[in-house]
Each structure stands twice: as C-alpha cells, then as structure tokens.
PDB file of N, CA and C in Angstrom:
ATOM      1  N   MET A   1       9.829  10.295   7.298  1.00  0.00           N
ATOM      2  CA  MET A   1       9.624   9.465   6.121  1.00  0.00           C
ATOM      3  C   MET A   1       8.482  10.024   5.260  1.00  0.00           C
ATOM      4  N   ASP A   2       7.438  10.496   5.926  1.00  0.00           N
ATOM      5  CA  ASP A   2       6.303  11.031   5.155  1.00  0.00           C
ATOM      6  C   ASP A   2       6.711  12.259   4.350  1.00  0.00           C
ATOM      7  N   SER A   3       7.607  13.062   4.883  1.00  0.00           N
ATOM      8  CA  SER A   3       8.011  14.272   4.166  1.00  0.00           C
ATOM      9  C   SER A   3       8.768  13.926   2.880  1.00  0.00           C
ATOM     10  N   LEU A   4       9.575  12.833   2.912  1.00  0.00           N
ATOM     11  CA  LEU A   4      10.249  12.410   1.694  1.00  0.00           C
ATOM     12  C   LEU A   4       9.279  11.921   0.649  1.00  0.00           C
ATOM     13  N   ILE A   5       8.248  11.219   1.091  1.00  0.00           N
ATOM     14  CA  ILE A   5       7.230  10.740   0.151  1.00  0.00           C
ATOM     15  C   ILE A   5       6.493  11.934  -0.451  1.00  0.00           C
ATOM     16  N   ASN A   6       6.174  12.920   0.390  1.00  0.00           N
ATOM     17  CA  ASN A   6       5.487  14.117  -0.106  1.00  0.00           C
ATOM     18  C   ASN A   6       6.357  14.867  -1.115  1.00  0.00           C
ATOM     19  N   ILE A   7       7.630  14.970  -0.851  1.00  0.00           N
ATOM     20  CA  ILE A   7       8.522  15.649  -1.786  1.00  0.00           C
ATOM     21  C   ILE A   7       8.549  14.894  -3.118  1.00  0.00           C
ATOM     22  N   GLY A   8       8.623  13.571  -3.051  1.00  0.00           N
ATOM     23  CA  GLY A   8       8.603  12.763  -4.255  1.00  0.00           C
ATOM     24  C   GLY A   8       7.301  12.942  -5.032  1.00  0.00           C
ATOM     25  N   LEU A   9       6.185  12.984  -4.318  1.00  0.00           N
ATOM     26  CA  LEU A   9       4.898  13.183  -4.998  1.00  0.00           C
ATOM     27  C   LEU A   9       4.842  14.548  -5.659  1.00  0.00           C
ATOM     28  N   TYR A  10       5.324  15.588  -4.969  1.00  0.00           N
ATOM     29  CA  TYR A  10       5.320  16.933  -5.559  1.00  0.00           C
ATOM     30  C   TYR A  10       6.206  16.993  -6.793  1.00  0.00           C
ATOM     31  N   LEU A  11       7.350  16.323  -6.746  1.00  0.00           N
ATOM     32  CA  LEU A  11       8.217  16.282  -7.933  1.00  0.00           C
ATOM     33  C   LEU A  11       7.560  15.543  -9.085  1.00  0.00           C
ATOM     34  N   ALA A  12       6.849  14.460  -8.758  1.00  0.00           N
ATOM     35  CA  ALA A  12       6.131  13.718  -9.801  1.00  0.00           C
ATOM     36  C   ALA A  12       5.007  14.549 -10.400  1.00  0.00           C
ATOM     37  N   TYR A  13       4.274  15.272  -9.558  1.00  0.00           N
ATOM     38  CA  TYR A  13       3.234  16.155 -10.062  1.00  0.00           C
ATOM     39  C   TYR A  13       3.816  17.251 -10.947  1.00  0.00           C
ATOM     40  N   PHE A  14       4.946  17.811 -10.512  1.00  0.00           N
ATOM     41  CA  PHE A  14       5.589  18.878 -11.307  1.00  0.00           C
ATOM     42  C   PHE A  14       6.035  18.317 -12.665  1.00  0.00           C
ATOM     43  N   ALA A  15       6.623  17.107 -12.673  1.00  0.00           N
ATOM     44  CA  ALA A  15       7.068  16.491 -13.923  1.00  0.00           C
ATOM     45  C   ALA A  15       5.869  16.198 -14.814  1.00  0.00           C
ATOM     46  N   LEU A  16       4.762  15.743 -14.233  1.00  0.00           N
ATOM     47  CA  LEU A  16       3.564  15.482 -15.008  1.00  0.00           C
ATOM     48  C   LEU A  16       3.026  16.773 -15.622  1.00  0.00           C
ATOM     49  N   PHE A  17       3.029  17.826 -14.840  1.00  0.00           N
ATOM     50  CA  PHE A  17       2.576  19.120 -15.333  1.00  0.00           C
ATOM     51  C   PHE A  17       3.417  19.589 -16.516  1.00  0.00           C
ATOM     52  N   ILE A  18       4.737  19.466 -16.391  1.00  0.00           N
ATOM     53  CA  ILE A  18       5.642  19.876 -17.471  1.00  0.00           C
ATOM     54  C   ILE A  18       5.392  19.017 -18.719  1.00  0.00           C
ATOM     55  N   ALA A  19       5.203  17.707 -18.545  1.00  0.00           N
ATOM     56  CA  ALA A  19       4.969  16.829 -19.685  1.00  0.00           C
ATOM     57  C   ALA A  19       3.635  17.160 -20.377  1.00  0.00           C
ATOM     58  N   VAL A  20       2.602  17.390 -19.627  1.00  0.00           N
ATOM     59  CA  VAL A  20       1.317  17.750 -20.213  1.00  0.00           C
ATOM     60  C   VAL A  20       1.402  19.103 -20.920  1.00  0.00           C
ATOM     61  N   ALA A  21       2.086  20.049 -20.306  1.00  0.00           N
ATOM     62  CA  ALA A  21       2.266  21.367 -20.933  1.00  0.00           C
ATOM     63  C   ALA A  21       3.031  21.220 -22.232  1.00  0.00           C
ATOM     64  N   ALA A  22       4.068  20.366 -22.245  1.00  0.00           N
ATOM     65  CA  ALA A  22       4.819  20.144 -23.483  1.00  0.00           C
ATOM     66  C   ALA A  22       3.954  19.493 -24.545  1.00  0.00           C
ATOM     67  N   LEU A  23       3.108  18.519 -24.145  1.00  0.00           N
ATOM     68  CA  LEU A  23       2.201  17.880 -25.095  1.00  0.00           C
ATOM     69  C   LEU A  23       1.223  18.865 -25.727  1.00  0.00           C
ATOM     70  N   ILE A  24       0.880  19.893 -24.989  1.00  0.00           N
ATOM     71  CA  ILE A  24      -0.063  20.882 -25.499  1.00  0.00           C
ATOM     72  C   ILE A  24       0.660  21.980 -26.292  1.00  0.00           C
ATOM     73  N   ILE A  25       1.776  22.447 -25.764  1.00  0.00           N
ATOM     74  CA  ILE A  25       2.440  23.606 -26.340  1.00  0.00           C
ATOM     75  C   ILE A  25       3.204  23.271 -27.627  1.00  0.00           C
ATOM     76  N   PHE A  26       3.950  22.164 -27.654  1.00  0.00           N
ATOM     77  CA  PHE A  26       4.761  21.855 -28.839  1.00  0.00           C
ATOM     78  C   PHE A  26       3.947  21.625 -30.114  1.00  0.00           C
ATOM     79  N   PRO A  27       2.821  20.911 -30.073  1.00  0.00           N
ATOM     80  CA  PRO A  27       2.019  20.801 -31.284  1.00  0.00           C
ATOM     81  C   PRO A  27       1.478  22.152 -31.759  1.00  0.00           C
ATOM     82  N   ILE A  28       1.150  23.020 -30.808  1.00  0.00           N
ATOM     83  CA  ILE A  28       0.667  24.349 -31.201  1.00  0.00           C
ATOM     84  C   ILE A  28       1.781  25.134 -31.882  1.00  0.00           C
ATOM     85  N   ILE A  29       2.978  25.070 -31.343  1.00  0.00           N
ATOM     86  CA  ILE A  29       4.122  25.752 -31.961  1.00  0.00           C
ATOM     87  C   ILE A  29       4.385  25.189 -33.354  1.00  0.00           C
ATOM     88  N   THR A  30       4.305  23.880 -33.498  1.00  0.00           N
ATOM     89  CA  THR A  30       4.533  23.232 -34.788  1.00  0.00           C
ATOM     90  C   THR A  30       3.441  23.657 -35.791  1.00  0.00           C
ATOM     91  N   MET A  31       2.201  23.719 -35.314  1.00  0.00           N
ATOM     92  CA  MET A  31       1.123  24.153 -36.210  1.00  0.00           C
ATOM     93  C   MET A  31       1.322  25.586 -36.665  1.00  0.00           C
ATOM     94  N   ILE A  32       1.803  26.428 -35.776  1.00  0.00           N
ATOM     95  CA  ILE A  32       2.052  27.821 -36.131  1.00  0.00           C
ATOM     96  C   ILE A  32       3.157  27.923 -37.178  1.00  0.00           C
ATOM     97  N   LYS A  33       4.172  27.080 -37.044  1.00  0.00           N
ATOM     98  CA  LYS A  33       5.278  27.086 -38.017  1.00  0.00           C
ATOM     99  C   LYS A  33       4.846  26.523 -39.346  1.00  0.00           C
ATOM    100  N   GLY A  34       3.754  25.743 -39.391  1.00  0.00           N
ATOM    101  CA  GLY A  34       3.178  25.314 -40.648  1.00  0.00           C
ATOM    102  C   GLY A  34       3.559  23.915 -41.088  1.00  0.00           C
ATOM    103  N   SER A  35       4.185  23.104 -40.240  1.00  0.00           N
ATOM    104  CA  SER A  35       4.541  21.751 -40.612  1.00  0.00           C
ATOM    105  C   SER A  35       3.373  20.816 -40.244  1.00  0.00           C
ATOM    106  N   VAL A  36       2.507  20.560 -41.213  1.00  0.00           N
ATOM    107  CA  VAL A  36       1.330  19.759 -40.986  1.00  0.00           C
ATOM    108  C   VAL A  36       1.680  18.293 -40.741  1.00  0.00           C
ATOM    109  N   LYS A  37       2.720  17.808 -41.418  1.00  0.00           N
ATOM    110  CA  LYS A  37       3.077  16.387 -41.300  1.00  0.00           C
ATOM    111  C   LYS A  37       3.475  16.011 -39.885  1.00  0.00           C
ATOM    112  N   SER A  38       4.342  16.799 -39.257  1.00  0.00           N
ATOM    113  CA  SER A  38       4.774  16.479 -37.897  1.00  0.00           C
ATOM    114  C   SER A  38       3.667  16.758 -36.889  1.00  0.00           C
ATOM    115  N   THR A  39       2.839  17.735 -37.152  1.00  0.00           N
ATOM    116  CA  THR A  39       1.708  18.011 -36.261  1.00  0.00           C
ATOM    117  C   THR A  39       0.727  16.836 -36.276  1.00  0.00           C
ATOM    118  N   LYS A  40       0.472  16.318 -37.439  1.00  0.00           N
ATOM    119  CA  LYS A  40      -0.461  15.209 -37.557  1.00  0.00           C
ATOM    120  C   LYS A  40       0.040  13.997 -36.773  1.00  0.00           C
ATOM    121  N   GLY A  41       1.313  13.680 -36.850  1.00  0.00           N
ATOM    122  CA  GLY A  41       1.879  12.548 -36.112  1.00  0.00           C
ATOM    123  C   GLY A  41       1.789  12.768 -34.612  1.00  0.00           C
ATOM    124  N   THR A  42       2.073  13.979 -34.165  1.00  0.00           N
ATOM    125  CA  THR A  42       1.984  14.282 -32.741  1.00  0.00           C
ATOM    126  C   THR A  42       0.569  14.164 -32.236  1.00  0.00           C
ATOM    127  N   LEU A  43      -0.388  14.717 -32.959  1.00  0.00           N
ATOM    128  CA  LEU A  43      -1.765  14.658 -32.527  1.00  0.00           C
ATOM    129  C   LEU A  43      -2.312  13.230 -32.537  1.00  0.00           C
ATOM    130  N   ILE A  44      -1.866  12.424 -33.480  1.00  0.00           N
ATOM    131  CA  ILE A  44      -2.269  11.014 -33.504  1.00  0.00           C
ATOM    132  C   ILE A  44      -1.703  10.301 -32.280  1.00  0.00           C
ATOM    133  N   GLY A  45      -0.439  10.574 -31.940  1.00  0.00           N
ATOM    134  CA  GLY A  45       0.183   9.984 -30.769  1.00  0.00           C
ATOM    135  C   GLY A  45      -0.549  10.364 -29.482  1.00  0.00           C
ATOM    136  N   VAL A  46      -0.896  11.637 -29.354  1.00  0.00           N
ATOM    137  CA  VAL A  46      -1.628  12.112 -28.177  1.00  0.00           C
ATOM    138  C   VAL A  46      -3.003  11.466 -28.120  1.00  0.00           C
ATOM    139  N   ALA A  47      -3.660  11.357 -29.258  1.00  0.00           N
ATOM    140  CA  ALA A  47      -5.005  10.756 -29.288  1.00  0.00           C
ATOM    141  C   ALA A  47      -4.926   9.279 -28.902  1.00  0.00           C
ATOM    142  N   ILE A  48      -3.906   8.582 -29.351  1.00  0.00           N
ATOM    143  CA  ILE A  48      -3.745   7.161 -28.982  1.00  0.00           C
ATOM    144  C   ILE A  48      -3.505   7.058 -27.482  1.00  0.00           C
ATOM    145  N   LEU A  49      -2.643   7.920 -26.933  1.00  0.00           N
ATOM    146  CA  LEU A  49      -2.360   7.898 -25.506  1.00  0.00           C
ATOM    147  C   LEU A  49      -3.642   8.165 -24.687  1.00  0.00           C
ATOM    148  N   VAL A  50      -4.400   9.156 -25.095  1.00  0.00           N
ATOM    149  CA  VAL A  50      -5.652   9.457 -24.379  1.00  0.00           C
ATOM    150  C   VAL A  50      -6.613   8.288 -24.514  1.00  0.00           C
ATOM    151  N   GLY A  51      -6.671   7.664 -25.684  1.00  0.00           N
ATOM    152  CA  GLY A  51      -7.527   6.500 -25.867  1.00  0.00           C
ATOM    153  C   GLY A  51      -7.121   5.344 -24.966  1.00  0.00           C
ATOM    154  N   VAL A  52      -5.817   5.111 -24.826  1.00  0.00           N
ATOM    155  CA  VAL A  52      -5.330   4.029 -23.949  1.00  0.00           C
ATOM    156  C   VAL A  52      -5.705   4.328 -22.498  1.00  0.00           C
ATOM    157  N   ILE A  53      -5.563   5.578 -22.093  1.00  0.00           N
ATOM    158  CA  ILE A  53      -5.906   5.970 -20.718  1.00  0.00           C
ATOM    159  C   ILE A  53      -7.404   5.791 -20.462  1.00  0.00           C
ATOM    160  N   ILE A  54      -8.215   6.210 -21.393  1.00  0.00           N
ATOM    161  CA  ILE A  54      -9.673   6.061 -21.241  1.00  0.00           C
ATOM    162  C   ILE A  54     -10.074   4.601 -21.215  1.00  0.00           C
ATOM    163  N   LEU A  55      -9.502   3.780 -22.120  1.00  0.00           N
ATOM    164  CA  LEU A  55      -9.778   2.356 -22.145  1.00  0.00           C
ATOM    165  C   LEU A  55      -9.336   1.708 -20.837  1.00  0.00           C
ATOM    166  N   SER A  56      -8.182   2.084 -20.322  1.00  0.00           N
ATOM    167  CA  SER A  56      -7.690   1.512 -19.069  1.00  0.00           C
ATOM    168  C   SER A  56      -8.609   1.878 -17.928  1.00  0.00           C
ATOM    169  N   TYR A  57      -9.100   3.118 -17.913  1.00  0.00           N
ATOM    170  CA  TYR A  57     -10.004   3.515 -16.827  1.00  0.00           C
ATOM    171  C   TYR A  57     -11.328   2.735 -16.897  1.00  0.00           C
ATOM    172  N   ILE A  58     -11.819   2.545 -18.110  1.00  0.00           N
ATOM    173  CA  ILE A  58     -13.093   1.840 -18.274  1.00  0.00           C
ATOM    174  C   ILE A  58     -12.982   0.390 -17.808  1.00  0.00           C
ATOM    175  N   ILE A  59     -11.873  -0.287 -18.132  1.00  0.00           N
ATOM    176  CA  ILE A  59     -11.801  -1.714 -17.793  1.00  0.00           C
ATOM    177  C   ILE A  59     -11.163  -1.991 -16.445  1.00  0.00           C
ATOM    178  N   SER A  60     -10.640  -0.972 -15.775  1.00  0.00           N
ATOM    179  CA  SER A  60     -10.008  -1.223 -14.481  1.00  0.00           C
ATOM    180  C   SER A  60     -11.073  -1.469 -13.400  1.00  0.00           C
ATOM    181  N   PRO A  61     -10.819  -2.434 -12.528  1.00  0.00           N
ATOM    182  CA  PRO A  61     -11.784  -2.738 -11.487  1.00  0.00           C
ATOM    183  C   PRO A  61     -11.677  -1.757 -10.316  1.00  0.00           C
ATOM    184  N   ALA A  62     -12.770  -1.591  -9.600  1.00  0.00           N
ATOM    185  CA  ALA A  62     -12.797  -0.750  -8.400  1.00  0.00           C
ATOM    186  C   ALA A  62     -12.770  -1.663  -7.178  1.00  0.00           C
ATOM    187  N   ASP A  63     -11.658  -2.365  -7.002  1.00  0.00           N
ATOM    188  CA  ASP A  63     -11.552  -3.335  -5.909  1.00  0.00           C
ATOM    189  C   ASP A  63     -11.563  -2.657  -4.556  1.00  0.00           C
ATOM    190  N   GLN A  64     -12.169  -3.300  -3.601  1.00  0.00           N
ATOM    191  CA  GLN A  64     -12.167  -2.834  -2.215  1.00  0.00           C
ATOM    192  C   GLN A  64     -11.893  -4.028  -1.331  1.00  0.00           C
ATOM    193  N   GLY A  65     -10.652  -4.220  -0.971  1.00  0.00           N
ATOM    194  CA  GLY A  65     -10.276  -5.323  -0.101  1.00  0.00           C
ATOM    195  C   GLY A  65      -9.803  -4.828   1.233  1.00  0.00           C
ATOM    196  N   LEU A  66      -9.230  -5.706   1.995  1.00  0.00           N
ATOM    197  CA  LEU A  66      -8.726  -5.356   3.334  1.00  0.00           C
ATOM    198  C   LEU A  66      -7.624  -4.304   3.253  1.00  0.00           C
ATOM    199  N   PHE A  67      -6.718  -4.473   2.278  1.00  0.00           N
ATOM    200  CA  PHE A  67      -5.610  -3.515   2.161  1.00  0.00           C
ATOM    201  C   PHE A  67      -6.118  -2.129   1.825  1.00  0.00           C
ATOM    202  N   TYR A  68      -7.063  -2.044   0.911  1.00  0.00           N
ATOM    203  CA  TYR A  68      -7.618  -0.756   0.488  1.00  0.00           C
ATOM    204  C   TYR A  68      -8.340  -0.073   1.672  1.00  0.00           C
ATOM    205  N   THR A  69      -9.064  -0.855   2.447  1.00  0.00           N
ATOM    206  CA  THR A  69      -9.738  -0.299   3.615  1.00  0.00           C
ATOM    207  C   THR A  69      -8.754   0.181   4.650  1.00  0.00           C
ATOM    208  N   LYS A  70      -7.700  -0.608   4.853  1.00  0.00           N
ATOM    209  CA  LYS A  70      -6.667  -0.241   5.831  1.00  0.00           C
ATOM    210  C   LYS A  70      -5.944   1.066   5.426  1.00  0.00           C
ATOM    211  N   MET A  71      -5.738   1.231   4.146  1.00  0.00           N
ATOM    212  CA  MET A  71      -5.004   2.402   3.653  1.00  0.00           C
ATOM    213  C   MET A  71      -5.960   3.570   3.295  1.00  0.00           C
ATOM    214  N   ASN A  72      -7.232   3.450   3.596  1.00  0.00           N
ATOM    215  CA  ASN A  72      -8.228   4.492   3.321  1.00  0.00           C
ATOM    216  C   ASN A  72      -8.266   4.854   1.836  1.00  0.00           C
ATOM    217  N   ILE A  73      -8.296   3.840   0.977  1.00  0.00           N
ATOM    218  CA  ILE A  73      -8.400   4.049  -0.443  1.00  0.00           C
ATOM    219  C   ILE A  73      -9.821   3.766  -0.866  1.00  0.00           C
ATOM    220  N   SER A  74     -10.465   4.751  -1.475  1.00  0.00           N
ATOM    221  CA  SER A  74     -11.847   4.611  -1.891  1.00  0.00           C
ATOM    222  C   SER A  74     -11.919   3.787  -3.183  1.00  0.00           C
ATOM    223  N   ALA A  75     -13.141   3.459  -3.571  1.00  0.00           N
ATOM    224  CA  ALA A  75     -13.346   2.684  -4.795  1.00  0.00           C
ATOM    225  C   ALA A  75     -12.912   3.488  -6.011  1.00  0.00           C
ATOM    226  N   GLY A  76     -13.191   4.801  -6.006  1.00  0.00           N
ATOM    227  CA  GLY A  76     -12.766   5.649  -7.119  1.00  0.00           C
ATOM    228  C   GLY A  76     -11.256   5.730  -7.242  1.00  0.00           C
ATOM    229  N   MET A  77     -10.592   5.882  -6.102  1.00  0.00           N
ATOM    230  CA  MET A  77      -9.148   5.945  -6.126  1.00  0.00           C
ATOM    231  C   MET A  77      -8.559   4.601  -6.556  1.00  0.00           C
ATOM    232  N   SER A  78      -9.164   3.499  -6.141  1.00  0.00           N
ATOM    233  CA  SER A  78      -8.740   2.182  -6.566  1.00  0.00           C
ATOM    234  C   SER A  78      -8.854   2.039  -8.083  1.00  0.00           C
ATOM    235  N   LYS A  79      -9.909   2.572  -8.643  1.00  0.00           N
ATOM    236  CA  LYS A  79     -10.104   2.517 -10.096  1.00  0.00           C
ATOM    237  C   LYS A  79      -9.023   3.343 -10.801  1.00  0.00           C
ATOM    238  N   LEU A  80      -8.670   4.491 -10.251  1.00  0.00           N
ATOM    239  CA  LEU A  80      -7.600   5.316 -10.849  1.00  0.00           C
ATOM    240  C   LEU A  80      -6.245   4.616 -10.770  1.00  0.00           C
ATOM    241  N   ILE A  81      -5.979   3.973  -9.646  1.00  0.00           N
ATOM    242  CA  ILE A  81      -4.731   3.220  -9.496  1.00  0.00           C
ATOM    243  C   ILE A  81      -4.678   2.095 -10.510  1.00  0.00           C
ATOM    244  N   GLY A  82      -5.765   1.357 -10.648  1.00  0.00           N
ATOM    245  CA  GLY A  82      -5.819   0.281 -11.634  1.00  0.00           C
ATOM    246  C   GLY A  82      -5.658   0.795 -13.057  1.00  0.00           C
ATOM    247  N   ALA A  83      -6.260   1.960 -13.344  1.00  0.00           N
ATOM    248  CA  ALA A  83      -6.121   2.520 -14.685  1.00  0.00           C
ATOM    249  C   ALA A  83      -4.679   2.910 -14.955  1.00  0.00           C
ATOM    250  N   GLY A  84      -4.014   3.477 -13.955  1.00  0.00           N
ATOM    251  CA  GLY A  84      -2.597   3.825 -14.143  1.00  0.00           C
ATOM    252  C   GLY A  84      -1.730   2.629 -14.395  1.00  0.00           C
ATOM    253  N   LEU A  85      -1.976   1.570 -13.646  1.00  0.00           N
ATOM    254  CA  LEU A  85      -1.214   0.339 -13.845  1.00  0.00           C
ATOM    255  C   LEU A  85      -1.482  -0.287 -15.217  1.00  0.00           C
ATOM    256  N   LEU A  86      -2.761  -0.346 -15.604  1.00  0.00           N
ATOM    257  CA  LEU A  86      -3.103  -0.895 -16.915  1.00  0.00           C
ATOM    258  C   LEU A  86      -2.503  -0.075 -18.038  1.00  0.00           C
ATOM    259  N   THR A  87      -2.544   1.247 -17.915  1.00  0.00           N
ATOM    260  CA  THR A  87      -1.942   2.119 -18.931  1.00  0.00           C
ATOM    261  C   THR A  87      -0.465   1.826 -19.063  1.00  0.00           C
ATOM    262  N   THR A  88       0.223   1.678 -17.943  1.00  0.00           N
ATOM    263  CA  THR A  88       1.644   1.366 -17.954  1.00  0.00           C
ATOM    264  C   THR A  88       1.902   0.042 -18.654  1.00  0.00           C
ATOM    265  N   TYR A  89       1.130  -0.983 -18.318  1.00  0.00           N
ATOM    266  CA  TYR A  89       1.296  -2.297 -18.916  1.00  0.00           C
ATOM    267  C   TYR A  89       1.021  -2.266 -20.432  1.00  0.00           C
ATOM    268  N   ILE A  90      -0.006  -1.564 -20.857  1.00  0.00           N
ATOM    269  CA  ILE A  90      -0.351  -1.493 -22.282  1.00  0.00           C
ATOM    270  C   ILE A  90       0.750  -0.787 -23.055  1.00  0.00           C
ATOM    271  N   ILE A  91       1.243   0.331 -22.517  1.00  0.00           N
ATOM    272  CA  ILE A  91       2.307   1.068 -23.210  1.00  0.00           C
ATOM    273  C   ILE A  91       3.588   0.253 -23.255  1.00  0.00           C
ATOM    274  N   LEU A  92       3.923  -0.425 -22.166  1.00  0.00           N
ATOM    275  CA  LEU A  92       5.103  -1.285 -22.154  1.00  0.00           C
ATOM    276  C   LEU A  92       4.983  -2.405 -23.186  1.00  0.00           C
ATOM    277  N   ALA A  93       3.825  -3.048 -23.238  1.00  0.00           N
ATOM    278  CA  ALA A  93       3.619  -4.114 -24.244  1.00  0.00           C
ATOM    279  C   ALA A  93       3.727  -3.555 -25.653  1.00  0.00           C
ATOM    280  N   GLY A  94       3.190  -2.371 -25.899  1.00  0.00           N
ATOM    281  CA  GLY A  94       3.306  -1.762 -27.203  1.00  0.00           C
ATOM    282  C   GLY A  94       4.742  -1.461 -27.581  1.00  0.00           C
ATOM    283  N   LEU A  95       5.510  -0.972 -26.625  1.00  0.00           N
ATOM    284  CA  LEU A  95       6.928  -0.695 -26.878  1.00  0.00           C
ATOM    285  C   LEU A  95       7.707  -1.959 -27.197  1.00  0.00           C
ATOM    286  N   VAL A  96       7.418  -3.035 -26.476  1.00  0.00           N
ATOM    287  CA  VAL A  96       8.105  -4.307 -26.727  1.00  0.00           C
ATOM    288  C   VAL A  96       7.740  -4.802 -28.128  1.00  0.00           C
ATOM    289  N   ILE A  97       6.478  -4.716 -28.505  1.00  0.00           N
ATOM    290  CA  ILE A  97       6.050  -5.177 -29.823  1.00  0.00           C
ATOM    291  C   ILE A  97       6.699  -4.335 -30.932  1.00  0.00           C
ATOM    292  N   ILE A  98       6.759  -3.018 -30.740  1.00  0.00           N
ATOM    293  CA  ILE A  98       7.392  -2.144 -31.735  1.00  0.00           C
ATOM    294  C   ILE A  98       8.876  -2.455 -31.844  1.00  0.00           C
ATOM    295  N   THR A  99       9.535  -2.699 -30.734  1.00  0.00           N
ATOM    296  CA  THR A  99      10.958  -3.018 -30.760  1.00  0.00           C
ATOM    297  C   THR A  99      11.207  -4.327 -31.489  1.00  0.00           C
ATOM    298  N   ILE A 100      10.411  -5.341 -31.222  1.00  0.00           N
ATOM    299  CA  ILE A 100      10.592  -6.627 -31.905  1.00  0.00           C
ATOM    300  C   ILE A 100      10.292  -6.477 -33.390  1.00  0.00           C
ATOM    301  N   TYR A 101       9.257  -5.743 -33.742  1.00  0.00           N
ATOM    302  CA  TYR A 101       8.902  -5.506 -35.140  1.00  0.00           C
ATOM    303  C   TYR A 101      10.043  -4.811 -35.881  1.00  0.00           C
ATOM    304  N   THR A 102      10.600  -3.788 -35.263  1.00  0.00           N
ATOM    305  CA  THR A 102      11.675  -3.058 -35.902  1.00  0.00           C
ATOM    306  C   THR A 102      12.908  -3.939 -36.104  1.00  0.00           C
ATOM    307  N   SER A 103      13.218  -4.780 -35.113  1.00  0.00           N
ATOM    308  CA  SER A 103      14.359  -5.685 -35.245  1.00  0.00           C
ATOM    309  C   SER A 103      14.146  -6.703 -36.367  1.00  0.00           C
ATOM    310  N   VAL A 104      12.952  -7.239 -36.467  1.00  0.00           N
ATOM    311  CA  VAL A 104      12.660  -8.223 -37.520  1.00  0.00           C
ATOM    312  C   VAL A 104      12.709  -7.567 -38.901  1.00  0.00           C
ATOM    313  N   VAL A 105      12.202  -6.377 -39.011  1.00  0.00           N
ATOM    314  CA  VAL A 105      12.227  -5.694 -40.316  1.00  0.00           C
ATOM    315  C   VAL A 105      13.650  -5.391 -40.711  1.00  0.00           C
ATOM    316  N   LYS A 106      14.526  -5.042 -39.777  1.00  0.00           N
ATOM    317  CA  LYS A 106      15.944  -4.778 -40.096  1.00  0.00           C
ATOM    318  C   LYS A 106      16.638  -6.048 -40.574  1.00  0.00           C
ATOM    319  N   TRP A 107      16.243  -7.209 -40.106  1.00  0.00           N
ATOM    320  CA  TRP A 107      16.851  -8.474 -40.564  1.00  0.00           C
ATOM    321  C   TRP A 107      16.600  -8.694 -42.054  1.00  0.00           C
ATOM    322  N   PHE A 108      15.438  -8.336 -42.505  1.00  0.00           N
ATOM    323  CA  PHE A 108      15.050  -8.624 -43.884  1.00  0.00           C
ATOM    324  C   PHE A 108      15.438  -7.525 -44.872  1.00  0.00           C
ATOM    325  N   LYS A 109      16.083  -6.468 -44.398  1.00  0.00           N
ATOM    326  CA  LYS A 109      16.510  -5.395 -45.302  1.00  0.00           C
ATOM    327  C   LYS A 109      17.946  -5.567 -45.691  1.00  0.00           C
TER     328      LYS A 109
END
C-alpha cells in the first residue's frame, strides 16, 4: 500500500514540476514573441496566485493535536498543509464567484 502512495506522490510532484515549468517558460516565450498584452495577463495571474499562496501560509494555523503527533507531523508541516487547503478553498471560491458573475452578465446582454 505504501508503494502505491509513493507512486502517487511522485506523479503529483512531477505534475507540479511540469506546471511550474510551464508557468515560467510560457510567459518568457510570449515575451520573446513580443505580445505584451497576453504577457501582462499571465504575469498578473501568476502574481495573484503567489499572493494567495503567501496569504494562505500567513493565516494558516500550526496546529499540533493528537492526530498530528501520531502521524509525526511537525508544526511547520501542519502550517504547509493548512496553507494548501486554504489556497484550494480560496481558488475554488473565486472560481464559483467568477462563474456566477459571468452567468449574470450573460443574462443582461
């Protein structure tokens, strides 16, 4: 069972690496091609994402309860887990708000 979890973690790390590489490489390629408008939008999106991650890390608690002790999770790791969860919740809420806004605007057009 542990080997399946490890394989899943390695696949997730690989996917994260590819996503981060794409976030870095594609804006550079776009800047080289000279399209300032699309580069600006991409960089603003990346900056917002980084801001959400930093905000989530700052406000996430470093809980240490019985479960965390049993699973050998340190306070720092607990803070990272909380930051990841908060980031997910904030992005999900933003997507729901954008979807509702877009639907309402389409009604009035």
